[in-house]
C-alpha atoms as a PDB file:
ATOM      1  CA  UNK A   1      83.312  51.827  26.134  1.00  0.00           C
ATOM      2  CA  UNK A   2      80.165  53.937  25.979  1.00  0.00           C
ATOM      3  CA  UNK A   3      78.918  56.088  22.778  1.00  0.00           C
ATOM      4  CA  UNK A   4      78.532  59.417  24.361  1.00  0.00           C
ATOM      5  CA  UNK A   5      76.488  60.383  21.886  1.00  0.00           C
ATOM      6  CA  UNK A   6      75.152  63.888  21.753  1.00  0.00           C
ATOM      7  CA  UNK A   7      71.673  65.418  21.077  1.00  0.00           C
ATOM      8  CA  UNK A   8      71.789  66.008  17.734  1.00  0.00           C
ATOM      9  CA  UNK A   9      72.657  61.950  16.969  1.00  0.00           C
ATOM     10  CA  UNK A  10      69.289  61.094  19.209  1.00  0.00           C
ATOM     11  CA  UNK A  11      67.144  63.708  17.360  1.00  0.00           C
ATOM     12  CA  UNK A  12      68.308  62.235  13.838  1.00  0.00           C
ATOM     13  CA  UNK A  13      67.920  59.022  15.109  1.00  0.00           C
ATOM     14  CA  UNK A  14      64.259  59.822  16.203  1.00  0.00           C
ATOM     15  CA  UNK A  15      63.482  61.016  12.913  1.00  0.00           C
ATOM     16  CA  UNK A  16      65.161  57.773  11.177  1.00  0.00           C
ATOM     17  CA  UNK A  17      62.587  55.410  13.211  1.00  0.00           C
ATOM     18  CA  UNK A  18      59.415  58.057  12.537  1.00  0.00           C
ATOM     19  CA  UNK A  19      60.320  58.357   8.707  1.00  0.00           C
ATOM     20  CA  UNK A  20      57.979  57.444   6.211  1.00  0.00           C
ATOM     21  CA  UNK A  21      60.012  57.363   2.962  1.00  0.00           C
ATOM     22  CA  UNK A  22      63.218  56.147   2.264  1.00  0.00           C
ATOM     23  CA  UNK A  23      64.413  59.980   1.250  1.00  0.00           C
ATOM     24  CA  UNK A  24      63.996  60.726   4.675  1.00  0.00           C
ATOM     25  CA  UNK A  25      65.305  57.882   6.089  1.00  0.00           C
ATOM     26  CA  UNK A  26      68.857  58.132   4.239  1.00  0.00           C
ATOM     27  CA  UNK A  27      69.007  61.761   5.316  1.00  0.00           C
ATOM     28  CA  UNK A  28      68.258  60.867   8.830  1.00  0.00           C
ATOM     29  CA  UNK A  29      71.205  58.200   8.509  1.00  0.00           C
ATOM     30  CA  UNK A  30      73.518  60.589   6.890  1.00  0.00           C
ATOM     31  CA  UNK A  31      72.919  63.142  10.309  1.00  0.00           C
ATOM     32  CA  UNK A  32      73.539  59.969  12.372  1.00  0.00           C
ATOM     33  CA  UNK A  33      76.375  58.772  10.747  1.00  0.00           C
ATOM     34  CA  UNK A  34      77.732  62.561  10.851  1.00  0.00           C
ATOM     35  CA  UNK A  35      76.923  63.711  14.653  1.00  0.00           C
ATOM     36  CA  UNK A  36      78.060  60.289  15.793  1.00  0.00           C
ATOM     37  CA  UNK A  37      81.563  60.142  17.904  1.00  0.00           C
ATOM     38  CA  UNK A  38      83.842  58.303  16.029  1.00  0.00           C
ATOM     39  CA  UNK A  39      85.767  56.316  18.313  1.00  0.00           C
ATOM     40  CA  UNK A  40      86.842  52.421  19.345  1.00  0.00           C
ATOM     41  CA  UNK A  41      83.249  52.225  21.097  1.00  0.00           C
ATOM     42  CA  UNK A  42      81.612  53.386  18.482  1.00  0.00           C
ATOM     43  CA  UNK A  43      82.977  51.382  15.232  1.00  0.00           C
ATOM     44  CA  UNK A  44      80.490  48.489  15.164  1.00  0.00           C
ATOM     45  CA  UNK A  45      77.284  51.190  15.744  1.00  0.00           C
ATOM     46  CA  UNK A  46      79.212  53.018  12.782  1.00  0.00           C
ATOM     47  CA  UNK A  47      79.372  50.132  10.347  1.00  0.00           C
ATOM     48  CA  UNK A  48      75.699  49.233  10.741  1.00  0.00           C
ATOM     49  CA  UNK A  49      74.679  52.802  10.056  1.00  0.00           C
ATOM     50  CA  UNK A  50      76.367  52.641   7.075  1.00  0.00           C
ATOM     51  CA  UNK A  51      75.185  49.254   5.956  1.00  0.00           C
ATOM     52  CA  UNK A  52      71.984  50.655   6.413  1.00  0.00           C
ATOM     53  CA  UNK A  53      72.909  53.774   4.542  1.00  0.00           C
ATOM     54  CA  UNK A  54      74.285  52.111   1.787  1.00  0.00           C
ATOM     55  CA  UNK A  55      71.649  49.643   1.310  1.00  0.00           C
ATOM     56  CA  UNK A  56      68.993  52.263   1.139  1.00  0.00           C
ATOM     57  CA  UNK A  57      71.087  54.381  -1.552  1.00  0.00           C
ATOM     58  CA  UNK A  58      71.122  51.312  -3.480  1.00  0.00           C
ATOM     59  CA  UNK A  59      67.882  51.143  -3.671  1.00  0.00           C
ATOM     60  CA  UNK A  60      66.730  54.559  -4.269  1.00  0.00           C
ATOM     61  CA  UNK A  61      69.403  54.316  -7.204  1.00  0.00           C
ATOM     62  CA  UNK A  62      67.564  50.772  -8.147  1.00  0.00           C
ATOM     63  CA  UNK A  63      64.159  52.967  -8.410  1.00  0.00           C
ATOM     64  CA  UNK A  64      65.937  56.072 -10.281  1.00  0.00           C
ATOM     65  CA  UNK A  65      66.824  53.476 -12.623  1.00  0.00           C
ATOM     66  CA  UNK A  66      63.422  52.352 -13.849  1.00  0.00           C
ATOM     67  CA  UNK A  67      62.799  55.435 -15.165  1.00  0.00           C
ATOM     68  CA  UNK A  68      66.899  56.542 -16.272  1.00  0.00           C
ATOM     69  CA  UNK A  69      68.873  55.363 -19.507  1.00  0.00           C
ATOM     70  CA  UNK A  70      72.191  54.412 -20.042  1.00  0.00           C
ATOM     71  CA  UNK A  71      74.631  56.566 -21.664  1.00  0.00           C
ATOM     72  CA  UNK A  72      77.097  53.976 -22.995  1.00  0.00           C
ATOM     73  CA  UNK A  73      77.971  53.477 -25.921  1.00  0.00           C
ATOM     74  CA  UNK A  74      79.976  50.915 -27.790  1.00  0.00           C
ATOM     75  CA  UNK A  75      83.329  52.030 -29.122  1.00  0.00           C
ATOM     76  CA  UNK A  76      85.672  49.319 -29.596  1.00  0.00           C
ATOM     77  CA  UNK A  77      85.360  46.168 -31.296  1.00  0.00           C
ATOM     78  CA  UNK A  78      83.828  43.932 -28.467  1.00  0.00           C
ATOM     79  CA  UNK A  79      81.949  45.384 -25.347  1.00  0.00           C
ATOM     80  CA  UNK A  80      82.664  43.599 -22.043  1.00  0.00           C
ATOM     81  CA  UNK A  81      80.269  44.280 -18.557  1.00  0.00           C
ATOM     82  CA  UNK A  82      82.296  44.161 -15.334  1.00  0.00           C
ATOM     83  CA  UNK A  83      79.455  42.970 -13.039  1.00  0.00           C
ATOM     84  CA  UNK A  84      80.217  41.963  -9.276  1.00  0.00           C
ATOM     85  CA  UNK A  85      79.365  43.181  -5.581  1.00  0.00           C
ATOM     86  CA  UNK A  86      79.946  46.201  -3.647  1.00  0.00           C
ATOM     87  CA  UNK A  87      83.715  46.341  -3.009  1.00  0.00           C
ATOM     88  CA  UNK A  88      84.811  43.546  -5.252  1.00  0.00           C
ATOM     89  CA  UNK A  89      87.327  45.566  -7.111  1.00  0.00           C
ATOM     90  CA  UNK A  90      85.824  46.290 -10.507  1.00  0.00           C
ATOM     91  CA  UNK A  91      87.099  50.082 -10.777  1.00  0.00           C
ATOM     92  CA  UNK A  92      90.322  48.895  -9.656  1.00  0.00           C
ATOM     93  CA  UNK A  93      90.499  45.582 -11.994  1.00  0.00           C
ATOM     94  CA  UNK A  94      89.331  48.708 -14.530  1.00  0.00           C
ATOM     95  CA  UNK A  95      91.626  50.478 -13.968  1.00  0.00           C
ATOM     96  CA  UNK A  96      94.571  48.141 -14.065  1.00  0.00           C
ATOM     97  CA  UNK A  97      93.094  46.633 -17.367  1.00  0.00           C
ATOM     98  CA  UNK A  98      92.304  50.085 -19.795  1.00  0.00           C
ATOM     99  CA  UNK A  99      95.094  52.013 -17.653  1.00  0.00           C
ATOM    100  CA  UNK A 100      92.266  54.233 -16.740  1.00  0.00           C
ATOM    101  CA  UNK A 101      92.427  56.671 -13.676  1.00  0.00           C
ATOM    102  CA  UNK A 102      89.365  56.221 -11.932  1.00  0.00           C
ATOM    103  CA  UNK A 103      88.706  57.237  -7.951  1.00  0.00           C
ATOM    104  CA  UNK A 104      88.603  53.378  -5.924  1.00  0.00           C
ATOM    105  CA  UNK A 105      87.124  53.833  -2.854  1.00  0.00           C
ATOM    106  CA  UNK A 106      86.169  51.080   0.133  1.00  0.00           C
ATOM    107  CA  UNK A 107      82.609  52.877   0.412  1.00  0.00           C
ATOM    108  CA  UNK A 108      80.126  50.331  -0.832  1.00  0.00           C
ATOM    109  CA  UNK A 109      78.329  51.701  -4.150  1.00  0.00           C
ATOM    110  CA  UNK A 110      80.596  54.643  -4.726  1.00  0.00           C
ATOM    111  CA  UNK A 111      80.627  54.269  -7.920  1.00  0.00           C
ATOM    112  CA  UNK A 112      77.059  55.242  -9.281  1.00  0.00           C
ATOM    113  CA  UNK A 113      77.247  55.241 -12.964  1.00  0.00           C
ATOM    114  CA  UNK A 114      79.219  53.107 -15.562  1.00  0.00           C
ATOM    115  CA  UNK A 115      82.824  53.704 -15.990  1.00  0.00           C
ATOM    116  CA  UNK A 116      84.482  52.375 -19.272  1.00  0.00           C
ATOM    117  CA  UNK A 117      87.870  52.292 -20.464  1.00  0.00           C
ATOM    118  CA  UNK A 118      89.708  50.902 -23.663  1.00  0.00           C
ATOM    119  CA  UNK A 119      92.093  47.859 -24.097  1.00  0.00           C
ATOM    120  CA  UNK A 120      94.127  47.573 -27.214  1.00  0.00           C
ATOM    121  CA  UNK A 121      94.504  43.870 -28.010  1.00  0.00           C
ATOM    122  CA  UNK A 122      96.953  43.164 -30.616  1.00  0.00           C
ATOM    123  CA  UNK A 123      95.520  46.224 -32.585  1.00  0.00           C
ATOM    124  CA  UNK A 124      91.790  45.124 -31.391  1.00  0.00           C
ATOM    125  CA  UNK A 125      89.755  47.499 -29.115  1.00  0.00           C
ATOM    126  CA  UNK A 126      88.277  45.669 -26.030  1.00  0.00           C
ATOM    127  CA  UNK A 127      85.969  47.977 -24.317  1.00  0.00           C
ATOM    128  CA  UNK A 128      85.395  47.300 -20.808  1.00  0.00           C
ATOM    129  CA  UNK A 129      82.592  48.815 -19.260  1.00  0.00           C
ATOM    130  CA  UNK A 130      81.706  48.987 -14.929  1.00  0.00           C
ATOM    131  CA  UNK A 131      78.354  47.889 -13.887  1.00  0.00           C
ATOM    132  CA  UNK A 132      77.660  49.568 -11.346  1.00  0.00           C
ATOM    133  CA  UNK A 133      76.448  47.488  -8.109  1.00  0.00           C
ATOM    134  CA  UNK A 134      72.396  48.819  -7.811  1.00  0.00           C
ATOM    135  CA  UNK A 135      71.959  46.394 -10.692  1.00  0.00           C
ATOM    136  CA  UNK A 136      69.505  48.942 -12.605  1.00  0.00           C
ATOM    137  CA  UNK A 137      67.724  48.210 -15.680  1.00  0.00           C
ATOM    138  CA  UNK A 138      69.142  50.616 -17.462  1.00  0.00           C
ATOM    139  CA  UNK A 139      72.727  49.468 -16.542  1.00  0.00           C
ATOM    140  CA  UNK A 140      72.075  45.858 -17.222  1.00  0.00           C
ATOM    141  CA  UNK A 141      70.963  46.619 -21.075  1.00  0.00           C
ATOM    142  CA  UNK A 142      75.077  47.625 -21.416  1.00  0.00           C
ATOM    143  CA  UNK A 143      75.301  43.935 -20.312  1.00  0.00           C
ATOM    144  CA  UNK A 144      72.672  42.357 -22.869  1.00  0.00           C
ATOM    145  CA  UNK A 145      74.174  44.623 -25.318  1.00  0.00           C
ATOM    146  CA  UNK A 146      77.539  42.892 -24.423  1.00  0.00           C
ATOM    147  CA  UNK A 147      79.754  40.581 -26.347  1.00  0.00           C
ATOM    148  CA  UNK A 148      80.805  38.745 -22.944  1.00  0.00           C
ATOM    149  CA  UNK A 149      80.200  39.476 -19.182  1.00  0.00           C
ATOM    150  CA  UNK A 150      83.416  39.296 -16.434  1.00  0.00           C
ATOM    151  CA  UNK A 151      81.843  38.294 -13.168  1.00  0.00           C
ATOM    152  CA  UNK A 152      84.155  39.326 -10.148  1.00  0.00           C
ATOM    153  CA  UNK A 153      83.663  38.155  -6.985  1.00  0.00           C
ATOM    154  CA  UNK A 154      85.699  37.638  -3.596  1.00  0.00           C
ATOM    155  CA  UNK A 155      84.494  34.338  -2.657  1.00  0.00           C
ATOM    156  CA  UNK A 156      83.490  31.461  -4.800  1.00  0.00           C
ATOM    157  CA  UNK A 157      79.124  31.844  -3.371  1.00  0.00           C
ATOM    158  CA  UNK A 158      79.347  35.166  -4.880  1.00  0.00           C
ATOM    159  CA  UNK A 159      79.418  34.059  -8.541  1.00  0.00           C
ATOM    160  CA  UNK A 160      76.016  31.951  -8.039  1.00  0.00           C
ATOM    161  CA  UNK A 161      74.666  34.823  -6.893  1.00  0.00           C
ATOM    162  CA  UNK A 162      75.762  37.355  -9.787  1.00  0.00           C
ATOM    163  CA  UNK A 163      74.837  34.272 -11.891  1.00  0.00           C
ATOM    164  CA  UNK A 164      71.367  34.807 -10.496  1.00  0.00           C
ATOM    165  CA  UNK A 165      71.458  37.941 -11.166  1.00  0.00           C
ATOM    166  CA  UNK A 166      71.842  37.353 -14.608  1.00  0.00           C
ATOM    167  CA  UNK A 167      69.262  35.131 -15.218  1.00  0.00           C
ATOM    168  CA  UNK A 168      66.739  37.491 -13.635  1.00  0.00           C
ATOM    169  CA  UNK A 169      67.510  39.839 -16.203  1.00  0.00           C
ATOM    170  CA  UNK A 170      67.819  37.308 -18.653  1.00  0.00           C
ATOM    171  CA  UNK A 171      71.046  38.196 -19.783  1.00  0.00           C
ATOM    172  CA  UNK A 172      72.630  34.805 -21.775  1.00  0.00           C
ATOM    173  CA  UNK A 173      76.076  35.736 -22.575  1.00  0.00           C
ATOM    174  CA  UNK A 174      79.348  34.063 -22.500  1.00  0.00           C
ATOM    175  CA  UNK A 175      80.796  34.913 -19.184  1.00  0.00           C
ATOM    176  CA  UNK A 176      84.799  35.059 -17.305  1.00  0.00           C
ATOM    177  CA  UNK A 177      84.435  34.731 -14.016  1.00  0.00           C
ATOM    178  CA  UNK A 178      87.411  36.495 -12.231  1.00  0.00           C
ATOM    179  CA  UNK A 179      89.232  36.531  -8.412  1.00  0.00           C
ATOM    180  CA  UNK A 180      91.564  38.519  -7.264  1.00  0.00           C
ATOM    181  CA  UNK A 181      93.414  35.016  -6.098  1.00  0.00           C
ATOM    182  CA  UNK A 182      94.372  34.531  -9.814  1.00  0.00           C
ATOM    183  CA  UNK A 183      96.747  36.774 -11.788  1.00  0.00           C
ATOM    184  CA  UNK A 184      95.462  39.310 -13.908  1.00  0.00           C
ATOM    185  CA  UNK A 185      97.587  38.832 -16.761  1.00  0.00           C
ATOM    186  CA  UNK A 186      95.985  35.809 -18.869  1.00  0.00           C
ATOM    187  CA  UNK A 187      92.412  38.028 -17.988  1.00  0.00           C
ATOM    188  CA  UNK A 188      92.145  39.968 -21.477  1.00  0.00           C
ATOM    189  CA  UNK A 189      93.263  36.837 -23.678  1.00  0.00           C
ATOM    190  CA  UNK A 190      90.466  34.884 -21.495  1.00  0.00           C
ATOM    191  CA  UNK A 191      87.898  37.573 -22.278  1.00  0.00           C
ATOM    192  CA  UNK A 192      88.855  37.874 -26.429  1.00  0.00           C
ATOM    193  CA  UNK A 193      88.435  33.739 -26.113  1.00  0.00           C
ATOM    194  CA  UNK A 194      84.706  34.230 -24.938  1.00  0.00           C
ATOM    195  CA  UNK A 195      83.746  36.529 -27.006  1.00  0.00           C
ATOM    196  CA  UNK A 196      84.085  34.384 -30.135  1.00  0.00           C
ATOM    197  CA  UNK A 197      86.272  36.381 -32.344  1.00  0.00           C
ATOM    198  CA  UNK A 198      89.188  36.569 -34.307  1.00  0.00           C
ATOM    199  CA  UNK A 199      91.638  39.013 -35.787  1.00  0.00           C
ATOM    200  CA  UNK A 200      93.042  39.048 -39.079  1.00  0.00           C
ATOM    201  CA  UNK A 201      95.597  41.135 -40.200  1.00  0.00           C
ATOM    202  CA  UNK A 202      95.435  42.080 -44.337  1.00  0.00           C
ATOM    203  CA  UNK A 203      98.477  43.111 -46.055  1.00  0.00           C
ATOM    204  CA  UNK A 204      99.908  43.759 -49.220  1.00  0.00           C
ATOM    205  CA  UNK A 205     102.165  42.400 -51.311  1.00  0.00           C
ATOM    206  CA  UNK A 206     105.371  43.369 -50.588  1.00  0.00           C
ATOM    207  CA  UNK A 207     104.484  45.245 -46.974  1.00  0.00           C
ATOM    208  CA  UNK A 208     104.012  44.631 -43.443  1.00  0.00           C
ATOM    209  CA  UNK A 209     100.435  43.168 -42.064  1.00  0.00           C
ATOM    210  CA  UNK A 210      98.619  46.342 -41.231  1.00  0.00           C
ATOM    211  CA  UNK A 211      98.747  47.167 -37.188  1.00  0.00           C
ATOM    212  CA  UNK A 212      95.229  47.672 -37.069  1.00  0.00           C
ATOM    213  CA  UNK A 213      93.087  44.343 -37.423  1.00  0.00           C
ATOM    214  CA  UNK A 214      89.465  43.519 -39.251  1.00  0.00           C
ATOM    215  CA  UNK A 215      87.642  41.583 -36.662  1.00  0.00           C
ATOM    216  CA  UNK A 216      85.188  38.923 -37.214  1.00  0.00           C
ATOM    217  CA  UNK A 217      83.401  35.968 -36.132  1.00  0.00           C
ATOM    218  CA  UNK A 218      85.127  32.673 -35.281  1.00  0.00           C
ATOM    219  CA  UNK A 219      84.543  30.463 -38.643  1.00  0.00           C
ATOM    220  CA  UNK A 220      84.552  33.239 -40.482  1.00  0.00           C
ATOM    221  CA  UNK A 221      86.260  32.739 -44.101  1.00  0.00           C
ATOM    222  CA  UNK A 222      88.582  34.536 -46.608  1.00  0.00           C
ATOM    223  CA  UNK A 223      85.197  35.438 -48.541  1.00  0.00           C
ATOM    224  CA  UNK A 224      84.328  37.092 -45.288  1.00  0.00           C
ATOM    225  CA  UNK A 225      87.218  39.568 -44.904  1.00  0.00           C
ATOM    226  CA  UNK A 226      87.221  40.375 -48.550  1.00  0.00           C
ATOM    227  CA  UNK A 227      83.602  41.484 -47.988  1.00  0.00           C
ATOM    228  CA  UNK A 228      84.551  43.933 -44.735  1.00  0.00           C
ATOM    229  CA  UNK A 229      87.549  45.125 -47.602  1.00  0.00           C
ATOM    230  CA  UNK A 230      85.103  45.949 -50.446  1.00  0.00           C
ATOM    231  CA  UNK A 231      82.973  43.884 -52.305  1.00  0.00           C
ATOM    232  CA  UNK A 232      84.599  44.411 -55.432  1.00  0.00           C
ATOM    233  CA  UNK A 233      87.780  42.043 -53.471  1.00  0.00           C
ATOM    234  CA  UNK A 234      85.097  38.880 -53.317  1.00  0.00           C
ATOM    235  CA  UNK A 235      83.696  40.073 -57.162  1.00  0.00           C
ATOM    236  CA  UNK A 236      87.549  40.060 -59.023  1.00  0.00           C
ATOM    237  CA  UNK A 237      89.061  37.565 -56.309  1.00  0.00           C
ATOM    238  CA  UNK A 238      92.081  35.266 -58.182  1.00  0.00           C
ATOM    239  CA  UNK A 239      93.687  33.901 -54.803  1.00  0.00           C
ATOM    240  CA  UNK A 240      94.869  34.605 -51.129  1.00  0.00           C
ATOM    241  CA  UNK A 241      97.804  33.984 -49.532  1.00  0.00           C
ATOM    242  CA  UNK A 242      97.849  33.064 -45.249  1.00  0.00           C
ATOM    243  CA  UNK A 243     100.279  32.735 -42.613  1.00  0.00           C
ATOM    244  CA  UNK A 244      99.233  32.033 -39.420  1.00  0.00           C
ATOM    245  CA  UNK A 245      97.463  29.102 -37.926  1.00  0.00           C
ATOM    246  CA  UNK A 246      95.334  28.649 -40.675  1.00  0.00           C
ATOM    247  CA  UNK A 247      97.847  27.928 -42.690  1.00  0.00           C
ATOM    248  CA  UNK A 248      99.618  24.731 -43.596  1.00  0.00           C
ATOM    249  CA  UNK A 249     102.490  26.539 -44.314  1.00  0.00           C
ATOM    250  CA  UNK A 250     103.255  30.439 -44.370  1.00  0.00           C
ATOM    251  CA  UNK A 251     101.865  31.827 -47.179  1.00  0.00           C
ATOM    252  CA  UNK A 252      99.409  29.406 -48.548  1.00  0.00           C
ATOM    253  CA  UNK A 253      96.960  30.068 -51.412  1.00  0.00           C
ATOM    254  CA  UNK A 254      93.529  29.694 -50.525  1.00  0.00           C
ATOM    255  CA  UNK A 255      90.155  29.859 -51.899  1.00  0.00           C
ATOM    256  CA  UNK A 256      86.903  32.270 -50.481  1.00  0.00           C
ATOM    257  CA  UNK A 257      85.843  29.597 -48.569  1.00  0.00           C
ATOM    258  CA  UNK A 258      89.386  29.098 -46.508  1.00  0.00           C
ATOM    259  CA  UNK A 259      88.498  29.382 -42.454  1.00  0.00           C
ATOM    260  CA  UNK A 260      90.623  31.815 -40.725  1.00  0.00           C
ATOM    261  CA  UNK A 261      92.202  31.452 -37.487  1.00  0.00           C
ATOM    262  CA  UNK A 262      93.102  34.469 -34.456  1.00  0.00           C
ATOM    263  CA  UNK A 263      95.882  36.373 -35.889  1.00  0.00           C
ATOM    264  CA  UNK A 264      95.980  35.122 -39.422  1.00  0.00           C
ATOM    265  CA  UNK A 265      97.492  37.352 -42.014  1.00  0.00           C
ATOM    266  CA  UNK A 266      95.379  37.382 -44.993  1.00  0.00           C
ATOM    267  CA  UNK A 267      97.141  38.889 -48.990  1.00  0.00           C
ATOM    268  CA  UNK A 268      94.006  39.297 -51.260  1.00  0.00           C
ATOM    269  CA  UNK A 269      95.184  39.231 -54.699  1.00  0.00           C
ATOM    270  CA  UNK A 270      92.188  40.083 -57.531  1.00  0.00           C
ATOM    271  CA  UNK A 271      91.734  40.004 -60.968  1.00  0.00           C
END
């Protein structure tokens, strides 16, 4: 089936061929796409034009990114960067996990700026940040500041390419890989494990544990938690009672050097 494009299309095509700057090429391509008739005979050409446009826009965003700075700040106990190629489902995953409502689009490179959402994980706050697929320097600085990287891919081969990108930016962080063949249900627990943090719930004598845990690194002790509460808790420490994985039995009496585990409950007694 012939294309039967109008004269405006061929004028735009000539502008594209003679364009000297990336901006001129982008404008010409947009005009070509706008004026190209939309029917079965133009499907392949339209797809090629959109692919060229997406690539040029990505290059343009990268170039702008050299001068820009990311406005994303850490809001949570841990921060996780979601990194993947265009149309890998990053925004959909963010919406699914953080219950956000960001617009999802099949158009490549539709996410221009980083998107963020918070997941409540047993009272701990996990901040998820979607990194746009332009891989700009200022966006990748977010990944540098993250506690963990979540790589998302449509096929196994993409993971190797994404790991190369991390290496190019010298990002050495724990990595969790996810593809849509897997179940999302256990993803947050995998992320939390990779971040290397634990949740410790404090309680007062006779009361229930606090809903909001104290988040500390794996291997932390009673002393570490006591210091987070108040320095006097270490100075006047008598003993602590612990319930959970690290305790030999519920309510075990322990000292300052006792190593805690995720979801332990602790009751500190002072003199």
